[in-house]
């Protein structure tokens, strides 16, 4: 009987730990993908800024110099493209926050505190995620 309880507790804890690890891995993979996409967009913005600067320099060297540089169709197009890319970067940053929040909300119960379960004897115990959070907090306090 005691062996069965011990074995079932061990299996339950193992399930909790593997689920938490899978959630964490999923979260980090999605966030990594979004960060990569953000970096790609930033590189595109840098290219557009470089091309915009080159066009403005070209217009300034014309004889006679163009009075209204911002009226140039290429300059307008570059400015519009940069604005659109900046909006996409902001959306990707928001998506990163949403992914992190969604995965964390799945890990934590609706009560908002440490996750707790009842062991076979009816006593409350922290889940693996709750214990890990406590260990991280204790480690941070020690290192301070």
Protein backbone atom coordinates (compact mmCIF):
# COMPACT_ATOMS: atom_id res chain seq x y z
CA UNK A 1 0.00 0.00 0.00
CA UNK A 2 2.75 2.47 0.95
CA UNK A 3 4.72 1.46 -2.15
CA UNK A 4 1.67 2.09 -4.35
CA UNK A 5 1.18 5.56 -2.83
CA UNK A 6 4.85 6.37 -3.23
CA UNK A 7 4.86 5.12 -6.82
CA UNK A 8 1.70 7.03 -7.75
CA UNK A 9 3.10 10.22 -6.13
CA UNK A 10 6.33 9.77 -8.06
CA UNK A 11 4.48 9.29 -11.34
CA UNK A 12 2.32 12.35 -10.66
CA UNK A 13 5.35 14.53 -9.87
CA UNK A 14 7.11 13.24 -12.97
CA UNK A 15 4.08 14.16 -15.11
CA UNK A 16 4.01 17.64 -13.59
CA UNK A 17 7.71 18.22 -14.18
CA UNK A 18 7.60 16.97 -17.78
CA UNK A 19 4.52 19.07 -18.51
CA UNK A 20 6.20 22.17 -17.07
CA UNK A 21 9.35 21.45 -19.10
CA UNK A 22 7.32 20.96 -22.29
CA UNK A 23 5.42 24.21 -21.69
CA UNK A 24 8.64 26.09 -21.07
CA UNK A 25 10.23 24.64 -24.21
CA UNK A 26 7.18 25.52 -26.28
CA UNK A 27 7.15 29.06 -24.92
CA UNK A 28 10.85 29.59 -25.60
CA UNK A 29 10.57 28.17 -29.14
CA UNK A 30 7.69 30.49 -30.01
CA UNK A 31 9.39 33.49 -28.44
CA UNK A 32 12.63 32.67 -30.26
CA UNK A 33 10.80 32.49 -33.58
CA UNK A 34 9.09 35.84 -32.94
CA UNK A 35 12.38 37.46 -31.91
CA UNK A 36 14.01 36.19 -35.09
CA UNK A 37 11.15 37.62 -37.16
CA UNK A 38 11.53 40.94 -35.29
CA UNK A 39 15.25 41.01 -36.04
CA UNK A 40 14.54 40.33 -39.73
CA UNK A 41 12.09 43.23 -39.83
CA UNK A 42 14.63 45.52 -38.13
CA UNK A 43 17.18 44.62 -40.79
CA UNK A 44 14.65 45.54 -43.47
CA UNK A 45 14.08 48.88 -41.70
CA UNK A 46 17.84 49.50 -41.69
CA UNK A 47 17.98 48.81 -45.43
CA UNK A 48 15.07 51.16 -46.09
CA UNK A 49 16.72 53.87 -43.98
CA UNK A 50 19.96 53.43 -45.90
CA UNK A 51 18.12 53.69 -49.24
CA UNK A 52 16.16 56.72 -48.01
CA UNK A 53 19.37 58.47 -47.00
CA UNK A 54 20.96 57.68 -50.34
CA UNK A 55 17.94 59.11 -52.20
CA UNK A 56 17.96 62.29 -50.11
CA UNK A 57 21.70 62.72 -50.76
CA UNK A 58 21.09 62.20 -54.48
CA UNK A 59 18.34 64.83 -54.47
CA UNK A 60 20.54 67.30 -52.56
CA UNK A 61 23.29 67.03 -55.17
CA UNK A 62 21.04 67.81 -58.12
CA UNK A 63 21.58 71.06 -59.94
CA UNK A 64 19.53 72.99 -58.98
CA UNK A 65 18.85 71.18 -55.69
CA UNK A 66 15.31 69.96 -55.19
CA UNK A 67 13.50 72.35 -52.90
CA UNK A 68 11.02 69.86 -51.45
CA UNK A 69 12.76 66.56 -50.83
CA UNK A 70 9.72 65.09 -49.10
CA UNK A 71 7.63 65.57 -52.26
CA UNK A 72 9.78 63.03 -54.13
CA UNK A 73 7.80 59.84 -54.83
CA UNK A 74 10.71 57.55 -53.90
CA UNK A 75 11.22 59.34 -50.58
CA UNK A 76 7.51 59.11 -49.81
CA UNK A 77 7.48 55.39 -50.63
CA UNK A 78 10.51 54.68 -48.41
CA UNK A 79 8.99 56.61 -45.50
CA UNK A 80 5.71 54.71 -45.89
CA UNK A 81 7.52 51.33 -46.01
CA UNK A 82 9.55 52.18 -42.91
CA UNK A 83 6.35 53.09 -41.04
CA UNK A 84 4.71 49.79 -42.03
CA UNK A 85 7.75 47.78 -40.96
CA UNK A 86 7.87 49.60 -37.61
CA UNK A 87 4.21 48.66 -37.04
CA UNK A 88 5.05 45.01 -37.75
CA UNK A 89 7.94 45.14 -35.26
CA UNK A 90 5.60 46.53 -32.59
CA UNK A 91 3.07 43.76 -33.34
CA UNK A 92 5.77 41.08 -33.02
CA UNK A 93 6.81 42.53 -29.64
CA UNK A 94 3.19 42.38 -28.49
CA UNK A 95 2.95 38.79 -29.74
CA UNK A 96 6.00 37.85 -27.67
CA UNK A 97 4.29 39.18 -24.53
CA UNK A 98 1.05 37.37 -25.39
CA UNK A 99 2.81 34.03 -25.92
CA UNK A 100 4.57 34.31 -22.58
CA UNK A 101 1.33 35.25 -20.82
CA UNK A 102 -0.63 32.41 -22.44
CA UNK A 103 1.89 29.74 -21.48
CA UNK A 104 2.20 31.08 -17.94
CA UNK A 105 -1.58 31.20 -17.51
CA UNK A 106 -1.79 27.53 -18.50
CA UNK A 107 0.79 26.66 -15.86
CA UNK A 108 -0.84 28.56 -13.01
CA UNK A 109 -4.31 27.93 -11.60
CA UNK A 110 -6.88 30.72 -11.77
CA UNK A 111 -6.25 31.60 -8.11
CA UNK A 112 -2.96 33.22 -9.08
CA UNK A 113 -0.90 31.72 -6.24
CA UNK A 114 1.42 28.74 -6.21
CA UNK A 115 -0.18 25.66 -7.67
CA UNK A 116 -1.15 23.16 -5.01
CA UNK A 117 -2.54 19.63 -5.03
CA UNK A 118 -3.75 17.18 -2.43
CA UNK A 119 -1.59 14.17 -1.74
CA UNK A 120 -3.21 10.77 -1.01
CA UNK A 121 -3.29 11.58 2.71
CA UNK A 122 -5.30 14.77 2.02
CA UNK A 123 -2.48 17.21 2.81
CA UNK A 124 -1.82 20.15 0.51
CA UNK A 125 1.49 20.08 -1.34
CA UNK A 126 3.04 22.41 -3.88
CA UNK A 127 3.26 21.17 -7.44
CA UNK A 128 6.59 20.92 -9.22
CA UNK A 129 6.05 24.34 -10.82
CA UNK A 130 5.32 25.90 -7.44
CA UNK A 131 8.41 24.31 -5.90
CA UNK A 132 10.57 25.47 -8.79
CA UNK A 133 9.31 29.04 -8.36
CA UNK A 134 10.09 28.89 -4.65
CA UNK A 135 13.60 27.54 -5.34
CA UNK A 136 14.31 30.32 -7.84
CA UNK A 137 13.16 32.95 -5.34
CA UNK A 138 15.33 31.45 -2.60
CA UNK A 139 18.34 31.34 -4.93
CA UNK A 140 17.87 34.99 -5.87
CA UNK A 141 17.70 35.99 -2.21
CA UNK A 142 20.94 34.12 -1.46
CA UNK A 143 22.82 35.72 -4.35
CA UNK A 144 21.76 39.26 -3.37
